[in-house]
N, C-alpha and C. Protein backbone atom coordinates (compact mmCIF):
# COMPACT_ATOMS: atom_id res chain seq x y z
N MET A 1 0.90 -1.25 0.03
CA MET A 1 0.12 -0.03 0.04
C MET A 1 0.86 1.34 0.03
N ILE A 2 1.87 1.31 0.92
CA ILE A 2 2.78 2.45 0.91
C ILE A 2 3.46 2.66 -0.36
N THR A 3 3.99 1.56 -0.97
CA THR A 3 4.67 1.59 -2.25
C THR A 3 3.95 2.16 -3.28
N ARG A 4 2.54 1.89 -3.36
CA ARG A 4 1.56 2.47 -4.36
C ARG A 4 1.47 3.99 -4.01
N GLN A 5 1.37 4.31 -2.86
CA GLN A 5 1.20 5.80 -2.36
C GLN A 5 2.44 6.66 -2.76
N ILE A 6 3.61 6.01 -2.67
CA ILE A 6 4.94 6.61 -2.93
C ILE A 6 4.86 6.86 -4.45
N LEU A 7 4.62 5.78 -5.13
CA LEU A 7 4.67 5.85 -6.69
C LEU A 7 3.63 6.85 -7.12
N GLU A 8 2.38 6.84 -6.73
CA GLU A 8 1.40 7.85 -7.14
C GLU A 8 1.86 9.30 -6.74
N PHE A 9 2.33 9.37 -5.53
CA PHE A 9 2.87 10.87 -5.18
C PHE A 9 3.88 11.43 -6.13
N ILE A 10 4.87 10.53 -6.41
CA ILE A 10 6.09 10.92 -7.23
C ILE A 10 5.62 11.29 -8.65
N LYS A 11 4.85 10.31 -9.20
CA LYS A 11 4.32 10.52 -10.57
C LYS A 11 3.23 11.62 -10.76
N GLU A 12 2.34 11.68 -9.84
CA GLU A 12 1.29 12.63 -10.03
C GLU A 12 1.54 13.98 -9.39
N GLN A 13 2.05 14.10 -8.23
CA GLN A 13 2.35 15.35 -7.52
C GLN A 13 3.52 16.04 -8.10
N LEU A 14 4.68 15.20 -8.07
CA LEU A 14 5.96 15.73 -8.40
C LEU A 14 6.21 15.68 -9.92
N ASP A 15 5.50 14.88 -10.68
CA ASP A 15 5.59 14.54 -12.20
C ASP A 15 6.96 14.17 -12.44
N LEU A 16 7.54 13.20 -11.71
CA LEU A 16 8.95 12.68 -11.89
C LEU A 16 8.80 11.14 -12.18
N ASP A 17 9.87 10.62 -12.64
CA ASP A 17 10.07 9.19 -12.75
C ASP A 17 10.88 8.67 -11.69
N ILE A 18 10.50 7.50 -11.32
CA ILE A 18 11.17 6.77 -10.14
C ILE A 18 11.41 5.31 -10.40
N ASP A 19 12.36 4.91 -9.98
CA ASP A 19 12.68 3.32 -10.17
C ASP A 19 12.35 2.56 -8.92
N ARG A 20 12.47 1.31 -9.02
CA ARG A 20 11.97 0.38 -7.84
C ARG A 20 12.95 0.58 -6.64
N ASP A 21 14.31 0.83 -6.94
CA ASP A 21 15.24 0.93 -5.82
C ASP A 21 14.93 2.29 -5.06
N GLU A 22 14.65 3.30 -5.75
CA GLU A 22 14.43 4.63 -5.11
C GLU A 22 13.09 4.56 -4.29
N VAL A 23 12.08 3.82 -4.82
CA VAL A 23 10.71 3.58 -3.97
C VAL A 23 11.15 2.80 -2.74
N LYS A 24 11.96 1.75 -2.85
CA LYS A 24 12.37 0.96 -1.64
C LYS A 24 13.02 1.77 -0.66
N GLU A 25 13.92 2.55 -1.19
CA GLU A 25 14.73 3.56 -0.32
C GLU A 25 13.83 4.41 0.43
N ILE A 26 12.92 5.15 -0.21
CA ILE A 26 11.94 5.93 0.42
C ILE A 26 11.04 5.34 1.47
N GLU A 27 10.59 4.18 1.06
CA GLU A 27 9.67 3.34 1.95
C GLU A 27 10.52 3.04 3.18
N ASN A 28 11.86 2.61 3.16
CA ASN A 28 12.57 2.22 4.25
C ASN A 28 12.73 3.43 5.19
N GLN A 29 13.09 4.66 4.61
CA GLN A 29 13.25 5.83 5.35
C GLN A 29 11.92 6.24 6.07
N LEU A 30 10.77 6.20 5.26
CA LEU A 30 9.64 6.53 5.89
C LEU A 30 9.27 5.57 7.14
N ASN A 31 9.72 4.35 7.06
CA ASN A 31 9.43 3.48 8.25
C ASN A 31 10.47 3.74 9.37
N SER A 32 11.59 4.36 9.17
CA SER A 32 12.59 4.64 10.23
C SER A 32 13.03 6.10 10.62
N GLU A 33 12.61 7.12 9.70
CA GLU A 33 13.16 8.34 9.85
C GLU A 33 11.96 9.39 9.85
N ASN A 34 12.10 10.38 10.60
CA ASN A 34 11.11 11.55 10.70
C ASN A 34 11.57 12.69 9.93
N ASP A 35 12.82 12.68 9.44
CA ASP A 35 13.42 13.84 8.79
C ASP A 35 14.52 13.28 7.89
N PHE A 36 14.31 13.18 6.56
CA PHE A 36 15.41 12.66 5.73
C PHE A 36 15.35 13.30 4.29
N TYR A 37 16.47 13.20 3.76
CA TYR A 37 16.69 13.65 2.32
C TYR A 37 16.81 12.44 1.38
N THR A 38 16.39 12.58 0.19
CA THR A 38 16.29 11.55 -0.79
C THR A 38 16.49 12.09 -2.19
N ASP A 39 17.02 11.29 -3.02
CA ASP A 39 17.21 11.71 -4.53
C ASP A 39 16.04 11.01 -5.31
N ILE A 40 15.38 11.82 -6.12
CA ILE A 40 14.34 11.36 -6.87
C ILE A 40 14.56 11.75 -8.41
N ASP A 41 14.83 10.96 -9.33
CA ASP A 41 14.89 11.46 -10.69
C ASP A 41 15.92 12.59 -10.87
N GLY A 42 17.02 12.57 -10.11
CA GLY A 42 18.06 13.52 -10.27
C GLY A 42 17.74 14.87 -9.45
N CYS A 43 16.74 14.79 -8.69
CA CYS A 43 16.43 16.00 -7.73
C CYS A 43 16.46 15.50 -6.37
N GLN A 44 16.80 16.38 -5.40
CA GLN A 44 16.78 16.03 -4.03
C GLN A 44 15.52 16.66 -3.35
N TYR A 45 15.01 15.74 -2.47
CA TYR A 45 13.85 16.19 -1.67
C TYR A 45 14.17 15.86 -0.25
N ARG A 46 13.40 16.79 0.66
CA ARG A 46 13.43 16.58 2.08
C ARG A 46 12.15 16.07 2.47
N PHE A 47 11.94 15.03 3.26
CA PHE A 47 10.82 14.56 3.81
C PHE A 47 10.80 14.84 5.39
N ILE A 48 9.78 15.58 5.91
CA ILE A 48 9.67 15.91 7.38
C ILE A 48 8.33 15.40 7.75
N HIS A 49 8.28 14.59 8.91
CA HIS A 49 7.09 14.17 9.34
C HIS A 49 6.33 15.29 10.14
N GLU A 50 5.01 15.28 10.22
CA GLU A 50 4.12 16.32 10.67
C GLU A 50 4.45 16.48 12.15
N ASP A 51 4.72 15.44 12.85
CA ASP A 51 5.04 15.45 14.40
C ASP A 51 6.13 16.36 14.70
N ILE A 52 7.08 16.52 13.83
CA ILE A 52 8.24 17.23 14.27
C ILE A 52 8.51 18.46 13.34
N ILE A 53 7.60 18.69 12.44
CA ILE A 53 7.81 19.77 11.39
C ILE A 53 7.95 21.29 12.17
N TRP A 54 7.19 21.50 13.04
CA TRP A 54 7.32 22.86 13.80
C TRP A 54 8.58 23.02 14.48
N ASP A 55 8.96 21.97 15.26
CA ASP A 55 10.19 22.07 16.13
C ASP A 55 11.36 22.13 15.00
N THR A 56 11.36 21.49 14.13
CA THR A 56 12.48 21.58 13.09
C THR A 56 12.46 22.96 12.42
N TYR A 57 11.33 23.49 12.17
CA TYR A 57 11.27 24.86 11.60
C TYR A 57 11.88 25.92 12.53
N VAL A 58 11.48 25.77 13.85
CA VAL A 58 11.97 26.72 14.94
C VAL A 58 13.52 26.62 14.93
N GLU A 59 14.03 25.43 14.95
CA GLU A 59 15.39 25.25 14.93
C GLU A 59 16.04 25.76 13.68
N GLU A 60 15.50 25.57 12.67
CA GLU A 60 15.98 26.14 11.30
C GLU A 60 16.05 27.61 11.35
N ILE A 61 14.94 28.32 11.81
CA ILE A 61 14.90 29.71 11.80
C ILE A 61 16.04 30.19 12.89
N LYS A 62 16.30 29.48 13.95
CA LYS A 62 17.33 29.89 14.90
C LYS A 62 18.65 29.95 14.15
N GLN A 63 18.86 28.78 13.46
CA GLN A 63 20.19 28.60 12.81
C GLN A 63 20.24 29.63 11.64
N ILE A 64 19.38 29.92 10.90
CA ILE A 64 19.41 31.03 9.78
C ILE A 64 19.78 32.34 10.54
N THR A 65 19.08 32.72 11.57
CA THR A 65 19.24 33.92 12.28
C THR A 65 20.67 34.07 12.75
N GLU A 66 21.21 33.00 13.43
CA GLU A 66 22.57 32.96 13.96
C GLU A 66 23.57 33.11 12.79
N ASP A 67 23.15 32.31 11.75
CA ASP A 67 24.35 32.33 10.56
C ASP A 67 24.32 33.76 9.88
N CYS A 68 23.12 34.44 9.79
CA CYS A 68 23.03 35.59 8.99
C CYS A 68 23.31 36.97 9.62
N TYR A 69 22.97 36.90 10.92
CA TYR A 69 23.04 38.17 11.78
C TYR A 69 24.03 38.05 12.87
N ASP A 70 24.82 39.19 13.08
CA ASP A 70 25.72 39.11 14.19
C ASP A 70 25.00 39.71 15.36
N ILE A 71 24.40 38.94 16.02
CA ILE A 71 23.62 39.38 17.23
C ILE A 71 24.66 39.53 18.31
N LYS A 72 24.82 40.86 18.67
CA LYS A 72 25.71 41.20 19.75
C LYS A 72 25.01 41.33 21.08
N ALA A 73 24.62 40.25 21.62
CA ALA A 73 23.78 40.30 22.93
C ALA A 73 24.60 39.32 23.95
N PRO A 74 24.49 39.77 25.12
CA PRO A 74 25.20 38.95 26.12
C PRO A 74 24.71 37.55 26.20
N HIS A 75 25.41 36.45 26.52
CA HIS A 75 25.01 35.14 26.54
C HIS A 75 23.81 34.92 27.47
N TRP A 76 23.61 35.74 28.41
CA TRP A 76 22.56 35.51 29.44
C TRP A 76 21.24 35.95 28.83
N LEU A 77 21.17 36.82 27.87
CA LEU A 77 19.97 37.32 27.35
C LEU A 77 19.32 36.21 26.49
N SER A 78 18.03 35.87 26.77
CA SER A 78 17.23 34.89 26.03
C SER A 78 16.50 35.41 24.94
N ILE A 79 16.58 34.78 23.82
CA ILE A 79 15.74 34.94 22.63
C ILE A 79 14.66 34.00 22.53
N ASP A 80 13.44 34.37 22.37
CA ASP A 80 12.25 33.54 22.24
C ASP A 80 12.19 33.07 20.85
N TRP A 81 12.79 31.89 20.55
CA TRP A 81 12.92 31.41 19.17
C TRP A 81 11.62 30.80 18.67
N GLU A 82 10.72 30.41 19.52
CA GLU A 82 9.46 30.02 19.13
C GLU A 82 8.58 31.18 18.78
N GLU A 83 8.63 32.39 19.40
CA GLU A 83 7.93 33.58 18.81
C GLU A 83 8.56 34.22 17.51
N THR A 84 9.94 33.98 17.42
CA THR A 84 10.58 34.51 16.29
C THR A 84 10.18 33.63 15.09
N ALA A 85 10.08 32.31 15.33
CA ALA A 85 9.67 31.45 14.28
C ALA A 85 8.22 31.80 13.93
N GLU A 86 7.36 32.08 14.85
CA GLU A 86 5.85 32.46 14.41
C GLU A 86 5.89 33.67 13.69
N ASN A 87 6.77 34.61 13.95
CA ASN A 87 6.88 35.87 13.15
C ASN A 87 7.20 35.71 11.65
N CYS A 88 8.21 34.69 11.63
CA CYS A 88 8.68 34.44 10.24
C CYS A 88 7.69 33.52 9.32
N PHE A 89 6.92 32.91 9.94
CA PHE A 89 5.92 31.87 9.41
C PHE A 89 4.69 32.68 8.61
N VAL A 90 5.10 33.12 7.55
CA VAL A 90 4.04 33.87 6.75
C VAL A 90 3.44 33.10 5.65
N ASP A 91 4.17 32.42 4.79
CA ASP A 91 3.83 31.68 3.70
C ASP A 91 4.01 30.21 3.89
N GLY A 92 4.07 29.58 4.93
CA GLY A 92 4.17 28.27 5.18
C GLY A 92 5.77 27.80 5.36
N TYR A 93 6.03 26.51 5.19
CA TYR A 93 7.32 26.00 5.40
C TYR A 93 8.19 26.12 4.22
N GLY A 94 7.57 26.18 3.06
CA GLY A 94 8.45 26.07 1.87
C GLY A 94 9.40 27.00 1.67
N HIS A 95 9.25 28.33 2.06
CA HIS A 95 10.36 29.26 1.91
C HIS A 95 11.51 28.96 2.80
N THR A 96 11.48 28.25 3.79
CA THR A 96 12.59 27.92 4.70
C THR A 96 13.10 26.62 4.24
N PHE A 97 12.43 25.66 3.89
CA PHE A 97 13.01 24.21 3.69
C PHE A 97 13.29 24.05 2.15
N SER A 98 12.48 24.58 1.26
CA SER A 98 12.68 24.29 -0.19
C SER A 98 13.57 25.32 -0.75
N HIS A 99 14.95 25.04 -0.76
CA HIS A 99 15.86 26.06 -1.27
C HIS A 99 15.74 26.00 -2.81
N TYR A 100 15.06 25.15 -3.35
CA TYR A 100 15.03 25.08 -4.90
C TYR A 100 13.99 26.19 -5.41
N ASP A 101 12.78 26.02 -4.88
CA ASP A 101 11.75 26.98 -5.47
C ASP A 101 10.67 27.37 -4.42
N GLY A 102 10.98 27.15 -3.21
CA GLY A 102 10.01 27.61 -2.09
C GLY A 102 8.70 26.89 -2.05
N SER A 103 8.60 25.72 -2.77
CA SER A 103 7.27 25.02 -2.78
C SER A 103 7.29 23.97 -1.52
N GLU A 104 5.97 23.61 -1.30
CA GLU A 104 5.76 22.74 -0.14
C GLU A 104 4.66 21.70 -0.44
N GLU A 105 4.92 20.43 -0.41
CA GLU A 105 3.90 19.32 -0.62
C GLU A 105 3.69 18.74 0.59
N GLU A 106 2.48 18.01 0.62
CA GLU A 106 2.08 17.39 1.83
C GLU A 106 1.48 16.03 1.45
N CYS A 107 1.94 14.99 1.95
CA CYS A 107 1.08 13.67 1.62
C CYS A 107 1.22 12.61 2.67
N MET A 108 0.04 11.89 2.75
CA MET A 108 -0.06 10.82 3.58
C MET A 108 0.63 9.50 3.11
N PHE A 109 1.44 8.85 3.81
CA PHE A 109 1.89 7.55 3.50
C PHE A 109 1.57 6.64 4.61
N GLY A 110 0.60 5.67 4.23
CA GLY A 110 0.11 4.87 5.30
C GLY A 110 -0.75 5.75 6.21
N GLU A 111 -0.39 5.84 7.49
CA GLU A 111 -1.13 6.48 8.58
C GLU A 111 -0.32 7.86 8.88
N GLU A 112 0.68 8.04 8.22
CA GLU A 112 1.72 9.17 8.60
C GLU A 112 1.74 10.24 7.52
N ASN A 113 1.75 11.45 7.95
CA ASN A 113 1.69 12.67 7.08
C ASN A 113 3.02 13.16 7.13
N TYR A 114 3.57 13.53 5.86
CA TYR A 114 4.79 14.14 5.82
C TYR A 114 4.71 15.39 4.85
N TYR A 115 5.68 16.35 5.20
CA TYR A 115 5.82 17.57 4.32
C TYR A 115 7.04 17.21 3.47
N ILE A 116 7.00 17.67 2.16
CA ILE A 116 7.93 17.26 1.23
C ILE A 116 8.41 18.59 0.58
N PHE A 117 9.75 18.68 0.51
CA PHE A 117 10.31 20.01 -0.05
C PHE A 117 11.49 19.63 -1.03
N ARG A 118 11.46 20.22 -2.20
CA ARG A 118 12.58 20.05 -3.18
C ARG A 118 13.70 20.99 -2.77
N THR A 119 15.01 20.37 -2.53
CA THR A 119 16.06 21.14 -1.99
C THR A 119 17.02 21.55 -3.17
N TYR A 120 17.03 20.79 -4.25
CA TYR A 120 17.62 21.02 -5.49
C TYR A 120 17.26 20.13 -6.51
C-alpha cells in the first residue's frame, strides 16, 4: 500500500520518474526516519514528518538567524525562538525548507503525514 502511495505521489504530484530501488529506499526511510533527504529522478527532496515539522522549523529559523546576523547580545539574554519562528511563518514552510523553489507538498503515506520539499 505505501509503495503504491509513494509511486502515485512521485508521478502525480511531483511529475517525476522513479525506479524500484528509489521507491524501496523512500519506503525504508519512511519506516525509520522523521526527517530525511532522498534523491528522486536527479532531484533532491527533504521529507519531514508532521509530528516534528514545527520544532524543526523553529530550529532552522534559529540557525538561519545566527548564521546571517551578528547578534551582539550577552550570553545570558534569552531569545524567544518560538515567537521568532511564528513571526517568520508567513507563507508556510516552503520558503525555509525548499531551497530550490520555495514549494511545499504534503502527503499521507500509510497513517503518517509528511511535508515534502525540493532542495535542489
